[in-house]
Amino acid sequence: MDIGKDLVAASATPLVMAILSEGSSYGYAINKRVGELSGGEIQWMDGMLYPLLHRLERNGYVEATWGKSETGRRRKYYRLTDQGREELAHQQRQWQVVDSALRGIWCTSINLVLQGN
């Protein structure tokens, strides 16, 4: 399925923040988790993820620290801050409203189609 750029862009911030609410992570692992959560339907390029992580860091929602992977390679790890957790809760409430509105209109639309209107 080809998910439109606008929807991918709109969902990127809450997706990354929700993934980081599970624990600290690094870019490749975040990208992999997005793929897992979407059943492989959402695939991000590095050019999308890292600017988003840097913006979240500038806004105080994420902190980054350098660490080492199991193989000894340097890797930048990101974690959600307390301010980020508050922002994630705020975004979750917003997405719940959008989800509810869409479900409502889609259920109405389906009923109209089934009734032949």
PDB file of N, CA and C in Angstrom:
ATOM      1  N   MET A   1       0.843  -1.175   0.000  1.00  0.00           N
ATOM      2  CA  MET A   1       0.000   0.000   0.000  1.00  0.00           C
ATOM      3  C   MET A   1       0.885   1.234   0.000  1.00  0.00           C
ATOM      4  N   ASP A   2       0.535   2.208  -0.773  1.00  0.00           N
ATOM      5  CA  ASP A   2       1.282   3.460  -0.822  1.00  0.00           C
ATOM      6  C   ASP A   2       0.592   4.468   0.091  1.00  0.00           C
ATOM      7  N   ILE A   3       1.185   4.716   1.260  1.00  0.00           N
ATOM      8  CA  ILE A   3       0.622   5.671   2.213  1.00  0.00           C
ATOM      9  C   ILE A   3       1.115   7.056   1.829  1.00  0.00           C
ATOM     10  N   GLY A   4       0.189   7.999   1.714  1.00  0.00           N
ATOM     11  CA  GLY A   4       0.510   9.353   1.281  1.00  0.00           C
ATOM     12  C   GLY A   4       1.510  10.050   2.187  1.00  0.00           C
ATOM     13  N   LYS A   5       2.296  10.924   1.583  1.00  0.00           N
ATOM     14  CA  LYS A   5       3.341  11.643   2.314  1.00  0.00           C
ATOM     15  C   LYS A   5       2.781  12.458   3.471  1.00  0.00           C
ATOM     16  N   ASP A   6       1.612  13.072   3.272  1.00  0.00           N
ATOM     17  CA  ASP A   6       1.034  13.901   4.327  1.00  0.00           C
ATOM     18  C   ASP A   6       0.709  13.072   5.564  1.00  0.00           C
ATOM     19  N   LEU A   7       0.144  11.895   5.353  1.00  0.00           N
ATOM     20  CA  LEU A   7      -0.206  11.033   6.482  1.00  0.00           C
ATOM     21  C   LEU A   7       1.049  10.497   7.164  1.00  0.00           C
ATOM     22  N   VAL A   8       2.030  10.122   6.388  1.00  0.00           N
ATOM     23  CA  VAL A   8       3.298   9.647   6.959  1.00  0.00           C
ATOM     24  C   VAL A   8       3.946  10.757   7.780  1.00  0.00           C
ATOM     25  N   ALA A   9       3.980  11.957   7.239  1.00  0.00           N
ATOM     26  CA  ALA A   9       4.597  13.085   7.948  1.00  0.00           C
ATOM     27  C   ALA A   9       3.835  13.417   9.234  1.00  0.00           C
ATOM     28  N   ALA A  10       2.504  13.402   9.159  1.00  0.00           N
ATOM     29  CA  ALA A  10       1.698  13.738  10.333  1.00  0.00           C
ATOM     30  C   ALA A  10       1.856  12.713  11.450  1.00  0.00           C
ATOM     31  N   SER A  11       2.053  11.472  11.092  1.00  0.00           N
ATOM     32  CA  SER A  11       2.137  10.414  12.099  1.00  0.00           C
ATOM     33  C   SER A  11       3.562  10.162  12.598  1.00  0.00           C
ATOM     34  N   ALA A  12       4.549  10.739  11.954  1.00  0.00           N
ATOM     35  CA  ALA A  12       5.945  10.440  12.290  1.00  0.00           C
ATOM     36  C   ALA A  12       6.301  10.824  13.723  1.00  0.00           C
ATOM     37  N   THR A  13       5.940  12.023  14.140  1.00  0.00           N
ATOM     38  CA  THR A  13       6.311  12.474  15.480  1.00  0.00           C
ATOM     39  C   THR A  13       5.702  11.602  16.570  1.00  0.00           C
ATOM     40  N   PRO A  14       4.385  11.371  16.563  1.00  0.00           N
ATOM     41  CA  PRO A  14       3.850  10.517  17.632  1.00  0.00           C
ATOM     42  C   PRO A  14       4.360   9.074  17.557  1.00  0.00           C
ATOM     43  N   LEU A  15       4.641   8.583  16.364  1.00  0.00           N
ATOM     44  CA  LEU A  15       5.188   7.233  16.249  1.00  0.00           C
ATOM     45  C   LEU A  15       6.560   7.135  16.903  1.00  0.00           C
ATOM     46  N   VAL A  16       7.434   8.070  16.584  1.00  0.00           N
ATOM     47  CA  VAL A  16       8.790   8.048  17.152  1.00  0.00           C
ATOM     48  C   VAL A  16       8.734   8.244  18.657  1.00  0.00           C
ATOM     49  N   MET A  17       7.907   9.165  19.112  1.00  0.00           N
ATOM     50  CA  MET A  17       7.812   9.411  20.550  1.00  0.00           C
ATOM     51  C   MET A  17       7.248   8.192  21.276  1.00  0.00           C
ATOM     52  N   ALA A  18       6.266   7.534  20.691  1.00  0.00           N
ATOM     53  CA  ALA A  18       5.698   6.331  21.311  1.00  0.00           C
ATOM     54  C   ALA A  18       6.732   5.210  21.372  1.00  0.00           C
ATOM     55  N   ILE A  19       7.514   5.072  20.315  1.00  0.00           N
ATOM     56  CA  ILE A  19       8.577   4.058  20.322  1.00  0.00           C
ATOM     57  C   ILE A  19       9.593   4.366  21.420  1.00  0.00           C
ATOM     58  N   LEU A  20       9.965   5.627  21.560  1.00  0.00           N
ATOM     59  CA  LEU A  20      10.927   6.003  22.594  1.00  0.00           C
ATOM     60  C   LEU A  20      10.331   5.906  23.993  1.00  0.00           C
ATOM     61  N   SER A  21       9.004   5.923  24.112  1.00  0.00           N
ATOM     62  CA  SER A  21       8.383   5.740  25.431  1.00  0.00           C
ATOM     63  C   SER A  21       8.582   4.307  25.923  1.00  0.00           C
ATOM     64  N   GLU A  22       8.910   3.387  25.001  1.00  0.00           N
ATOM     65  CA  GLU A  22       9.205   1.998  25.363  1.00  0.00           C
ATOM     66  C   GLU A  22      10.616   1.856  25.941  1.00  0.00           C
ATOM     67  N   GLY A  23      11.463   2.853  25.687  1.00  0.00           N
ATOM     68  CA  GLY A  23      12.843   2.823  26.159  1.00  0.00           C
ATOM     69  C   GLY A  23      13.752   3.496  25.157  1.00  0.00           C
ATOM     70  N   SER A  24      14.986   3.769  25.554  1.00  0.00           N
ATOM     71  CA  SER A  24      15.913   4.448  24.655  1.00  0.00           C
ATOM     72  C   SER A  24      16.204   3.566  23.446  1.00  0.00           C
ATOM     73  N   SER A  25      16.519   4.237  22.339  1.00  0.00           N
ATOM     74  CA  SER A  25      16.778   3.512  21.103  1.00  0.00           C
ATOM     75  C   SER A  25      17.638   4.374  20.193  1.00  0.00           C
ATOM     76  N   TYR A  26      18.048   3.798  19.089  1.00  0.00           N
ATOM     77  CA  TYR A  26      18.869   4.494  18.103  1.00  0.00           C
ATOM     78  C   TYR A  26      18.155   4.447  16.757  1.00  0.00           C
ATOM     79  N   GLY A  27      18.631   5.249  15.816  1.00  0.00           N
ATOM     80  CA  GLY A  27      17.937   5.452  14.550  1.00  0.00           C
ATOM     81  C   GLY A  27      17.535   4.201  13.818  1.00  0.00           C
ATOM     82  N   TYR A  28      18.463   3.303  13.579  1.00  0.00           N
ATOM     83  CA  TYR A  28      18.147   2.094  12.828  1.00  0.00           C
ATOM     84  C   TYR A  28      17.071   1.273  13.524  1.00  0.00           C
ATOM     85  N   ALA A  29      17.173   1.150  14.850  1.00  0.00           N
ATOM     86  CA  ALA A  29      16.199   0.366  15.607  1.00  0.00           C
ATOM     87  C   ALA A  29      14.819   1.032  15.585  1.00  0.00           C
ATOM     88  N   ILE A  30      14.788   2.347  15.624  1.00  0.00           N
ATOM     89  CA  ILE A  30      13.510   3.069  15.537  1.00  0.00           C
ATOM     90  C   ILE A  30      12.867   2.787  14.183  1.00  0.00           C
ATOM     91  N   ASN A  31      13.652   2.913  13.130  1.00  0.00           N
ATOM     92  CA  ASN A  31      13.160   2.643  11.779  1.00  0.00           C
ATOM     93  C   ASN A  31      12.626   1.215  11.667  1.00  0.00           C
ATOM     94  N   LYS A  32      13.350   0.279  12.224  1.00  0.00           N
ATOM     95  CA  LYS A  32      12.945  -1.124  12.187  1.00  0.00           C
ATOM     96  C   LYS A  32      11.637  -1.321  12.949  1.00  0.00           C
ATOM     97  N   ARG A  33      11.504  -0.670  14.090  1.00  0.00           N
ATOM     98  CA  ARG A  33      10.285  -0.785  14.909  1.00  0.00           C
ATOM     99  C   ARG A  33       9.078  -0.216  14.167  1.00  0.00           C
ATOM    100  N   VAL A  34       9.260   0.897  13.464  1.00  0.00           N
ATOM    101  CA  VAL A  34       8.168   1.465  12.661  1.00  0.00           C
ATOM    102  C   VAL A  34       7.700   0.438  11.634  1.00  0.00           C
ATOM    103  N   GLY A  35       8.654  -0.201  10.976  1.00  0.00           N
ATOM    104  CA  GLY A  35       8.310  -1.231  10.006  1.00  0.00           C
ATOM    105  C   GLY A  35       7.538  -2.378  10.640  1.00  0.00           C
ATOM    106  N   GLU A  36       7.970  -2.801  11.830  1.00  0.00           N
ATOM    107  CA  GLU A  36       7.282  -3.883  12.542  1.00  0.00           C
ATOM    108  C   GLU A  36       5.855  -3.483  12.901  1.00  0.00           C
ATOM    109  N   LEU A  37       5.706  -2.283  13.469  1.00  0.00           N
ATOM    110  CA  LEU A  37       4.390  -1.821  13.908  1.00  0.00           C
ATOM    111  C   LEU A  37       3.412  -1.652  12.753  1.00  0.00           C
ATOM    112  N   SER A  38       3.935  -1.330  11.573  1.00  0.00           N
ATOM    113  CA  SER A  38       3.071  -1.079  10.416  1.00  0.00           C
ATOM    114  C   SER A  38       2.949  -2.304   9.515  1.00  0.00           C
ATOM    115  N   GLY A  39       3.476  -3.414   9.942  1.00  0.00           N
ATOM    116  CA  GLY A  39       3.445  -4.605   9.104  1.00  0.00           C
ATOM    117  C   GLY A  39       4.230  -4.411   7.820  1.00  0.00           C
ATOM    118  N   GLY A  40       5.266  -3.580   7.885  1.00  0.00           N
ATOM    119  CA  GLY A  40       6.114  -3.323   6.722  1.00  0.00           C
ATOM    120  C   GLY A  40       5.562  -2.282   5.762  1.00  0.00           C
ATOM    121  N   GLU A  41       4.431  -1.690   6.103  1.00  0.00           N
ATOM    122  CA  GLU A  41       3.789  -0.715   5.204  1.00  0.00           C
ATOM    123  C   GLU A  41       4.453   0.661   5.246  1.00  0.00           C
ATOM    124  N   ILE A  42       5.047   1.007   6.370  1.00  0.00           N
ATOM    125  CA  ILE A  42       5.704   2.314   6.487  1.00  0.00           C
ATOM    126  C   ILE A  42       7.205   2.084   6.484  1.00  0.00           C
ATOM    127  N   GLN A  43       7.875   2.670   5.526  1.00  0.00           N
ATOM    128  CA  GLN A  43       9.329   2.587   5.398  1.00  0.00           C
ATOM    129  C   GLN A  43       9.865   4.014   5.310  1.00  0.00           C
ATOM    130  N   TRP A  44      10.683   4.401   6.260  1.00  0.00           N
ATOM    131  CA  TRP A  44      11.268   5.734   6.268  1.00  0.00           C
ATOM    132  C   TRP A  44      12.701   5.687   5.780  1.00  0.00           C
ATOM    133  N   MET A  45      13.089   6.750   5.125  1.00  0.00           N
ATOM    134  CA  MET A  45      14.484   6.943   4.759  1.00  0.00           C
ATOM    135  C   MET A  45      15.170   7.691   5.908  1.00  0.00           C
ATOM    136  N   ASP A  46      16.483   7.547   6.012  1.00  0.00           N
ATOM    137  CA  ASP A  46      17.226   8.258   7.059  1.00  0.00           C
ATOM    138  C   ASP A  46      16.981   9.758   6.977  1.00  0.00           C
ATOM    139  N   GLY A  47      16.784  10.260   5.771  1.00  0.00           N
ATOM    140  CA  GLY A  47      16.569  11.689   5.570  1.00  0.00           C
ATOM    141  C   GLY A  47      15.306  12.207   6.206  1.00  0.00           C
ATOM    142  N   MET A  48      14.418  11.318   6.600  1.00  0.00           N
ATOM    143  CA  MET A  48      13.209  11.743   7.296  1.00  0.00           C
ATOM    144  C   MET A  48      13.369  11.587   8.808  1.00  0.00           C
ATOM    145  N   LEU A  49      13.943  10.483   9.235  1.00  0.00           N
ATOM    146  CA  LEU A  49      14.019  10.184  10.659  1.00  0.00           C
ATOM    147  C   LEU A  49      14.956  11.108  11.427  1.00  0.00           C
ATOM    148  N   TYR A  50      16.165  11.309  10.935  1.00  0.00           N
ATOM    149  CA  TYR A  50      17.142  12.064  11.722  1.00  0.00           C
ATOM    150  C   TYR A  50      16.778  13.537  11.878  1.00  0.00           C
ATOM    151  N   PRO A  51      16.268  14.210  10.869  1.00  0.00           N
ATOM    152  CA  PRO A  51      15.803  15.585  11.107  1.00  0.00           C
ATOM    153  C   PRO A  51      14.679  15.642  12.157  1.00  0.00           C
ATOM    154  N   LEU A  52      13.815  14.645  12.156  1.00  0.00           N
ATOM    155  CA  LEU A  52      12.749  14.585  13.151  1.00  0.00           C
ATOM    156  C   LEU A  52      13.330  14.399  14.551  1.00  0.00           C
ATOM    157  N   LEU A  53      14.267  13.480  14.703  1.00  0.00           N
ATOM    158  CA  LEU A  53      14.907  13.277  16.001  1.00  0.00           C
ATOM    159  C   LEU A  53      15.618  14.535  16.478  1.00  0.00           C
ATOM    160  N   HIS A  54      16.288  15.237  15.575  1.00  0.00           N
ATOM    161  CA  HIS A  54      16.996  16.473  15.942  1.00  0.00           C
ATOM    162  C   HIS A  54      16.007  17.556  16.360  1.00  0.00           C
ATOM    163  N   ARG A  55      14.859  17.630  15.676  1.00  0.00           N
ATOM    164  CA  ARG A  55      13.829  18.616  16.052  1.00  0.00           C
ATOM    165  C   ARG A  55      13.259  18.284  17.426  1.00  0.00           C
ATOM    166  N   LEU A  56      12.983  17.010  17.674  1.00  0.00           N
ATOM    167  CA  LEU A  56      12.481  16.605  18.989  1.00  0.00           C
ATOM    168  C   LEU A  56      13.487  16.933  20.087  1.00  0.00           C
ATOM    169  N   GLU A  57      14.759  16.780  19.759  1.00  0.00           N
ATOM    170  CA  GLU A  57      15.812  17.113  20.717  1.00  0.00           C
ATOM    171  C   GLU A  57      15.852  18.620  20.976  1.00  0.00           C
ATOM    172  N   ARG A  58      15.782  19.427  19.921  1.00  0.00           N
ATOM    173  CA  ARG A  58      15.772  20.891  20.081  1.00  0.00           C
ATOM    174  C   ARG A  58      14.581  21.358  20.917  1.00  0.00           C
ATOM    175  N   ASN A  59      13.441  20.667  20.764  1.00  0.00           N
ATOM    176  CA  ASN A  59      12.229  21.043  21.493  1.00  0.00           C
ATOM    177  C   ASN A  59      12.212  20.524  22.929  1.00  0.00           C
ATOM    178  N   GLY A  60      13.219  19.762  23.302  1.00  0.00           N
ATOM    179  CA  GLY A  60      13.309  19.255  24.669  1.00  0.00           C
ATOM    180  C   GLY A  60      12.512  18.000  24.929  1.00  0.00           C
ATOM    181  N   TYR A  61      12.001  17.364  23.887  1.00  0.00           N
ATOM    182  CA  TYR A  61      11.200  16.148  24.037  1.00  0.00           C
ATOM    183  C   TYR A  61      12.063  14.887  24.075  1.00  0.00           C
ATOM    184  N   VAL A  62      13.274  14.992  23.549  1.00  0.00           N
ATOM    185  CA  VAL A  62      14.175  13.854  23.436  1.00  0.00           C
ATOM    186  C   VAL A  62      15.569  14.297  23.860  1.00  0.00           C
ATOM    187  N   GLU A  63      16.287  13.411  24.523  1.00  0.00           N
ATOM    188  CA  GLU A  63      17.699  13.631  24.831  1.00  0.00           C
ATOM    189  C   GLU A  63      18.511  12.572  24.100  1.00  0.00           C
ATOM    190  N   ALA A  64      19.658  12.980  23.613  1.00  0.00           N
ATOM    191  CA  ALA A  64      20.528  12.059  22.885  1.00  0.00           C
ATOM    192  C   ALA A  64      21.849  11.918  23.630  1.00  0.00           C
ATOM    193  N   THR A  65      22.355  10.696  23.654  1.00  0.00           N
ATOM    194  CA  THR A  65      23.665  10.427  24.241  1.00  0.00           C
ATOM    195  C   THR A  65      24.390   9.429  23.348  1.00  0.00           C
ATOM    196  N   TRP A  66      25.708   9.564  23.337  1.00  0.00           N
ATOM    197  CA  TRP A  66      26.512   8.620  22.573  1.00  0.00           C
ATOM    198  C   TRP A  66      26.810   7.411  23.448  1.00  0.00           C
ATOM    199  N   GLY A  67      26.726   6.256  22.832  1.00  0.00           N
ATOM    200  CA  GLY A  67      27.044   5.011  23.515  1.00  0.00           C
ATOM    201  C   GLY A  67      27.684   4.054  22.535  1.00  0.00           C
ATOM    202  N   LYS A  68      27.880   2.834  22.989  1.00  0.00           N
ATOM    203  CA  LYS A  68      28.470   1.812  22.122  1.00  0.00           C
ATOM    204  C   LYS A  68      27.495   0.663  21.946  1.00  0.00           C
ATOM    205  N   SER A  69      27.488   0.141  20.738  1.00  0.00           N
ATOM    206  CA  SER A  69      26.665  -1.030  20.444  1.00  0.00           C
ATOM    207  C   SER A  69      27.349  -2.268  20.996  1.00  0.00           C
ATOM    208  N   GLU A  70      26.677  -3.411  20.843  1.00  0.00           N
ATOM    209  CA  GLU A  70      27.252  -4.675  21.301  1.00  0.00           C
ATOM    210  C   GLU A  70      28.579  -4.970  20.590  1.00  0.00           C
ATOM    211  N   THR A  71      28.720  -4.457  19.372  1.00  0.00           N
ATOM    212  CA  THR A  71      29.941  -4.691  18.594  1.00  0.00           C
ATOM    213  C   THR A  71      31.019  -3.650  18.877  1.00  0.00           C
ATOM    214  N   GLY A  72      30.722  -2.677  19.756  1.00  0.00           N
ATOM    215  CA  GLY A  72      31.695  -1.652  20.099  1.00  0.00           C
ATOM    216  C   GLY A  72      31.617  -0.406  19.230  1.00  0.00           C
ATOM    217  N   ARG A  73      30.720  -0.406  18.277  1.00  0.00           N
ATOM    218  CA  ARG A  73      30.565   0.750  17.382  1.00  0.00           C
ATOM    219  C   ARG A  73      29.841   1.883  18.116  1.00  0.00           C
ATOM    220  N   ARG A  74      30.311   3.129  17.886  1.00  0.00           N
ATOM    221  CA  ARG A  74      29.637   4.289  18.479  1.00  0.00           C
ATOM    222  C   ARG A  74      28.246   4.438  17.876  1.00  0.00           C
ATOM    223  N   ARG A  75      27.303   4.765  18.735  1.00  0.00           N
ATOM    224  CA  ARG A  75      25.920   4.869  18.297  1.00  0.00           C
ATOM    225  C   ARG A  75      25.229   5.935  19.150  1.00  0.00           C
ATOM    226  N   LYS A  76      24.382   6.738  18.521  1.00  0.00           N
ATOM    227  CA  LYS A  76      23.650   7.773  19.245  1.00  0.00           C
ATOM    228  C   LYS A  76      22.302   7.212  19.690  1.00  0.00           C
ATOM    229  N   TYR A  77      22.086   7.232  20.996  1.00  0.00           N
ATOM    230  CA  TYR A  77      20.850   6.725  21.579  1.00  0.00           C
ATOM    231  C   TYR A  77      19.950   7.900  21.962  1.00  0.00           C
ATOM    232  N   TYR A  78      18.667   7.728  21.735  1.00  0.00           N
ATOM    233  CA  TYR A  78      17.681   8.755  22.034  1.00  0.00           C
ATOM    234  C   TYR A  78      16.741   8.228  23.106  1.00  0.00           C
ATOM    235  N   ARG A  79      16.345   9.137  23.997  1.00  0.00           N
ATOM    236  CA  ARG A  79      15.367   8.766  25.017  1.00  0.00           C
ATOM    237  C   ARG A  79      14.377   9.908  25.192  1.00  0.00           C
ATOM    238  N   LEU A  80      13.169   9.557  25.564  1.00  0.00           N
ATOM    239  CA  LEU A  80      12.110  10.530  25.771  1.00  0.00           C
ATOM    240  C   LEU A  80      12.318  11.207  27.122  1.00  0.00           C
ATOM    241  N   THR A  81      12.197  12.527  27.172  1.00  0.00           N
ATOM    242  CA  THR A  81      12.307  13.278  28.423  1.00  0.00           C
ATOM    243  C   THR A  81      10.926  13.321  29.089  1.00  0.00           C
ATOM    244  N   ASP A  82      10.884  13.861  30.293  1.00  0.00           N
ATOM    245  CA  ASP A  82       9.596  14.040  30.972  1.00  0.00           C
ATOM    246  C   ASP A  82       8.699  14.970  30.161  1.00  0.00           C
ATOM    247  N   GLN A  83       9.287  16.031  29.625  1.00  0.00           N
ATOM    248  CA  GLN A  83       8.535  16.947  28.767  1.00  0.00           C
ATOM    249  C   GLN A  83       8.030  16.212  27.526  1.00  0.00           C
ATOM    250  N   GLY A  84       8.832  15.308  26.995  1.00  0.00           N
ATOM    251  CA  GLY A  84       8.428  14.508  25.845  1.00  0.00           C
ATOM    252  C   GLY A  84       7.265  13.590  26.174  1.00  0.00           C
ATOM    253  N   ARG A  85       7.263  13.032  27.375  1.00  0.00           N
ATOM    254  CA  ARG A  85       6.154  12.172  27.797  1.00  0.00           C
ATOM    255  C   ARG A  85       4.848  12.970  27.884  1.00  0.00           C
ATOM    256  N   GLU A  86       4.950  14.184  28.393  1.00  0.00           N
ATOM    257  CA  GLU A  86       3.769  15.057  28.456  1.00  0.00           C
ATOM    258  C   GLU A  86       3.267  15.380  27.051  1.00  0.00           C
ATOM    259  N   GLU A  87       4.188  15.688  26.161  1.00  0.00           N
ATOM    260  CA  GLU A  87       3.813  15.994  24.774  1.00  0.00           C
ATOM    261  C   GLU A  87       3.212  14.768  24.092  1.00  0.00           C
ATOM    262  N   LEU A  88       3.772  13.602  24.345  1.00  0.00           N
ATOM    263  CA  LEU A  88       3.225  12.376  23.760  1.00  0.00           C
ATOM    264  C   LEU A  88       1.790  12.158  24.242  1.00  0.00           C
ATOM    265  N   ALA A  89       1.527  12.362  25.521  1.00  0.00           N
ATOM    266  CA  ALA A  89       0.162  12.205  26.046  1.00  0.00           C
ATOM    267  C   ALA A  89      -0.783  13.184  25.358  1.00  0.00           C
ATOM    268  N   HIS A  90      -0.325  14.407  25.161  1.00  0.00           N
ATOM    269  CA  HIS A  90      -1.124  15.424  24.458  1.00  0.00           C
ATOM    270  C   HIS A  90      -1.415  14.980  23.021  1.00  0.00           C
ATOM    271  N   GLN A  91      -0.403  14.479  22.331  1.00  0.00           N
ATOM    272  CA  GLN A  91      -0.596  14.028  20.951  1.00  0.00           C
ATOM    273  C   GLN A  91      -1.491  12.796  20.889  1.00  0.00           C
ATOM    274  N   GLN A  92      -1.389  11.918  21.874  1.00  0.00           N
ATOM    275  CA  GLN A  92      -2.267  10.746  21.901  1.00  0.00           C
ATOM    276  C   GLN A  92      -3.725  11.175  21.990  1.00  0.00           C
ATOM    277  N   ARG A  93      -4.007  12.172  22.824  1.00  0.00           N
ATOM    278  CA  ARG A  93      -5.390  12.665  22.942  1.00  0.00           C
ATOM    279  C   ARG A  93      -5.864  13.251  21.615  1.00  0.00           C
ATOM    280  N   GLN A  94      -4.987  13.991  20.936  1.00  0.00           N
ATOM    281  CA  GLN A  94      -5.354  14.566  19.638  1.00  0.00           C
ATOM    282  C   GLN A  94      -5.659  13.466  18.620  1.00  0.00           C
ATOM    283  N   TRP A  95      -4.793  12.441  18.551  1.00  0.00           N
ATOM    284  CA  TRP A  95      -4.995  11.363  17.592  1.00  0.00           C
ATOM    285  C   TRP A  95      -6.241  10.554  17.920  1.00  0.00           C
ATOM    286  N   GLN A  96      -6.585  10.433  19.197  1.00  0.00           N
ATOM    287  CA  GLN A  96      -7.810   9.729  19.566  1.00  0.00           C
ATOM    288  C   GLN A  96      -9.041  10.468  19.048  1.00  0.00           C
ATOM    289  N   VAL A  97      -9.015  11.786  19.099  1.00  0.00           N
ATOM    290  CA  VAL A  97     -10.126  12.578  18.564  1.00  0.00           C
ATOM    291  C   VAL A  97     -10.234  12.380  17.045  1.00  0.00           C
ATOM    292  N   VAL A  98      -9.097  12.442  16.364  1.00  0.00           N
ATOM    293  CA  VAL A  98      -9.093  12.239  14.908  1.00  0.00           C
ATOM    294  C   VAL A  98      -9.581  10.832  14.571  1.00  0.00           C
ATOM    295  N   ASP A  99      -9.076   9.833  15.288  1.00  0.00           N
ATOM    296  CA  ASP A  99      -9.485   8.448  15.065  1.00  0.00           C
ATOM    297  C   ASP A  99     -10.990   8.282  15.271  1.00  0.00           C
ATOM    298  N   SER A 100     -11.505   8.851  16.324  1.00  0.00           N
ATOM    299  CA  SER A 100     -12.931   8.754  16.619  1.00  0.00           C
ATOM    300  C   SER A 100     -13.773   9.399  15.518  1.00  0.00           C
ATOM    301  N   ALA A 101     -13.341  10.566  15.060  1.00  0.00           N
ATOM    302  CA  ALA A 101     -14.076  11.257  13.993  1.00  0.00           C
ATOM    303  C   ALA A 101     -14.066  10.434  12.706  1.00  0.00           C
ATOM    304  N   LEU A 102     -12.919   9.897  12.348  1.00  0.00           N
ATOM    305  CA  LEU A 102     -12.826   9.096  11.127  1.00  0.00           C
ATOM    306  C   LEU A 102     -13.665   7.822  11.231  1.00  0.00           C
ATOM    307  N   ARG A 103     -13.586   7.153  12.379  1.00  0.00           N
ATOM    308  CA  ARG A 103     -14.389   5.941  12.557  1.00  0.00           C
ATOM    309  C   ARG A 103     -15.876   6.261  12.453  1.00  0.00           C
ATOM    310  N   GLY A 104     -16.263   7.393  13.027  1.00  0.00           N
ATOM    311  CA  GLY A 104     -17.668   7.789  12.971  1.00  0.00           C
ATOM    312  C   GLY A 104     -18.148   8.032  11.552  1.00  0.00           C
ATOM    313  N   ILE A 105     -17.369   8.769  10.794  1.00  0.00           N
ATOM    314  CA  ILE A 105     -17.788   9.076   9.424  1.00  0.00           C
ATOM    315  C   ILE A 105     -17.695   7.849   8.542  1.00  0.00           C
ATOM    316  N   TRP A 106     -16.692   6.996   8.754  1.00  0.00           N
ATOM    317  CA  TRP A 106     -16.567   5.800   7.932  1.00  0.00           C
ATOM    318  C   TRP A 106     -17.692   4.806   8.223  1.00  0.00           C
ATOM    319  N   CYS A 107     -18.083   4.703   9.492  1.00  0.00           N
ATOM    320  CA  CYS A 107     -19.207   3.813   9.819  1.00  0.00           C
ATOM    321  C   CYS A 107     -20.483   4.328   9.179  1.00  0.00           C
ATOM    322  N   THR A 108     -20.690   5.644   9.203  1.00  0.00           N
ATOM    323  CA  THR A 108     -21.856   6.241   8.551  1.00  0.00           C
ATOM    324  C   THR A 108     -21.820   5.980   7.057  1.00  0.00           C
ATOM    325  N   SER A 109     -20.662   6.149   6.447  1.00  0.00           N
ATOM    326  CA  SER A 109     -20.510   5.925   5.014  1.00  0.00           C
ATOM    327  C   SER A 109     -20.793   4.482   4.640  1.00  0.00           C
ATOM    328  N   ILE A 110     -20.286   3.554   5.437  1.00  0.00           N
ATOM    329  CA  ILE A 110     -20.508   2.126   5.167  1.00  0.00           C
ATOM    330  C   ILE A 110     -22.000   1.803   5.260  1.00  0.00           C
ATOM    331  N   ASN A 111     -22.654   2.342   6.290  1.00  0.00           N
ATOM    332  CA  ASN A 111     -24.097   2.090   6.438  1.00  0.00           C
ATOM    333  C   ASN A 111     -24.877   2.637   5.246  1.00  0.00           C
ATOM    334  N   LEU A 112     -24.500   3.812   4.757  1.00  0.00           N
ATOM    335  CA  LEU A 112     -25.180   4.393   3.590  1.00  0.00           C
ATOM    336  C   LEU A 112     -24.984   3.519   2.349  1.00  0.00           C
ATOM    337  N   VAL A 113     -23.771   3.010   2.188  1.00  0.00           N
ATOM    338  CA  VAL A 113     -23.495   2.137   1.039  1.00  0.00           C
ATOM    339  C   VAL A 113     -24.313   0.862   1.161  1.00  0.00           C
ATOM    340  N   LEU A 114     -24.356   0.285   2.343  1.00  0.00           N
ATOM    341  CA  LEU A 114     -25.110  -0.957   2.545  1.00  0.00           C
ATOM    342  C   LEU A 114     -26.609  -0.755   2.327  1.00  0.00           C
ATOM    343  N   GLN A 115     -27.084   0.456   2.642  1.00  0.00           N
ATOM    344  CA  GLN A 115     -28.506   0.763   2.444  1.00  0.00           C
ATOM    345  C   GLN A 115     -28.812   1.161   1.009  1.00  0.00           C
ATOM    346  N   GLY A 116     -27.779   1.292   0.204  1.00  0.00           N
ATOM    347  CA  GLY A 116     -27.967   1.655  -1.202  1.00  0.00           C
ATOM    348  C   GLY A 116     -28.122   3.150  -1.438  1.00  0.00           C
ATOM    349  N   ASN A 117     -27.723   3.979  -0.481  1.00  0.00           N
ATOM    350  CA  ASN A 117     -27.814   5.447  -0.661  1.00  0.00           C
ATOM    351  C   ASN A 117     -26.550   6.017  -1.234  1.00  0.00           C
TER     352      ASN A 117
END
